[in-house]
Amino acid sequence: MATIGLSNLYYAAITEDTAGNETYGTPAQLAKAITADITIDADEAILYADDGADAIIREFQKGTINLETNNLDVTALVALVGATKDTKGVTMHRGEDTPAPVAIGFKAKTSKGGYKYYWLYRVVFKVPDSNLKTKGESIEFATPTIEGTFTRRNKVDTQSKHPYMACIDSDETGADAATITAWFNAVYEPAYV
């Protein structure tokens, strides 16, 4: 379905038990979203037999998300890339900083008037790029872009699988209204029959 908007960009901190199983914190608004580009990388294997393709296997490996936002404040930088705020309010990026994984949620307005909602379960971001430019004759905004790599989560669902993304489209028949209403209250946990 075609989308015509993007909003409600959230993140949730992740804590892990000794086995690496994720528990998600309460989602917090990250920034105002401008763009979110998602790319999926999959491994592919083709078995050839009798001079033709006999079997094709594709498996998710990782994905990339590039987020352009109106701002990334110090709270976001601490949560997403492991930066530190010193006692004088200066944001410090250090070579030893280790970004912690977070969950990322957002929604995109659809051409039918509803929304498509997303959660990426485990994203690790790198320090955002900066593109600064002197002021010229016309006004041009410079906005931060941050790139993250998302992977499947360690914690298995009730079908012994490792989800990496959850989506629900409010325009689809059978989309649960209560789930949509509560989408940004907590990171969505799969529910199977």
Foldseek 3Di string as FASTA:
>chain_A
DAFDFKFQKWKWAWDADPLQATDTHWIDGFAGWDDKDKAWDWDWDFDDDPRGTDDIDIDTFKMKIKTWGQDGDLVNCCQAFVWDQDPVRDTHDDPPGHGGWIKIKIWTQHPVGWIKIKIFHTKHKHPWDWDDDDDDPDDDDTIIMIMIMWDFGPDAAPVRDTDGMDMDIPPDPPGDPVCVVCPNRTPDHDDDD
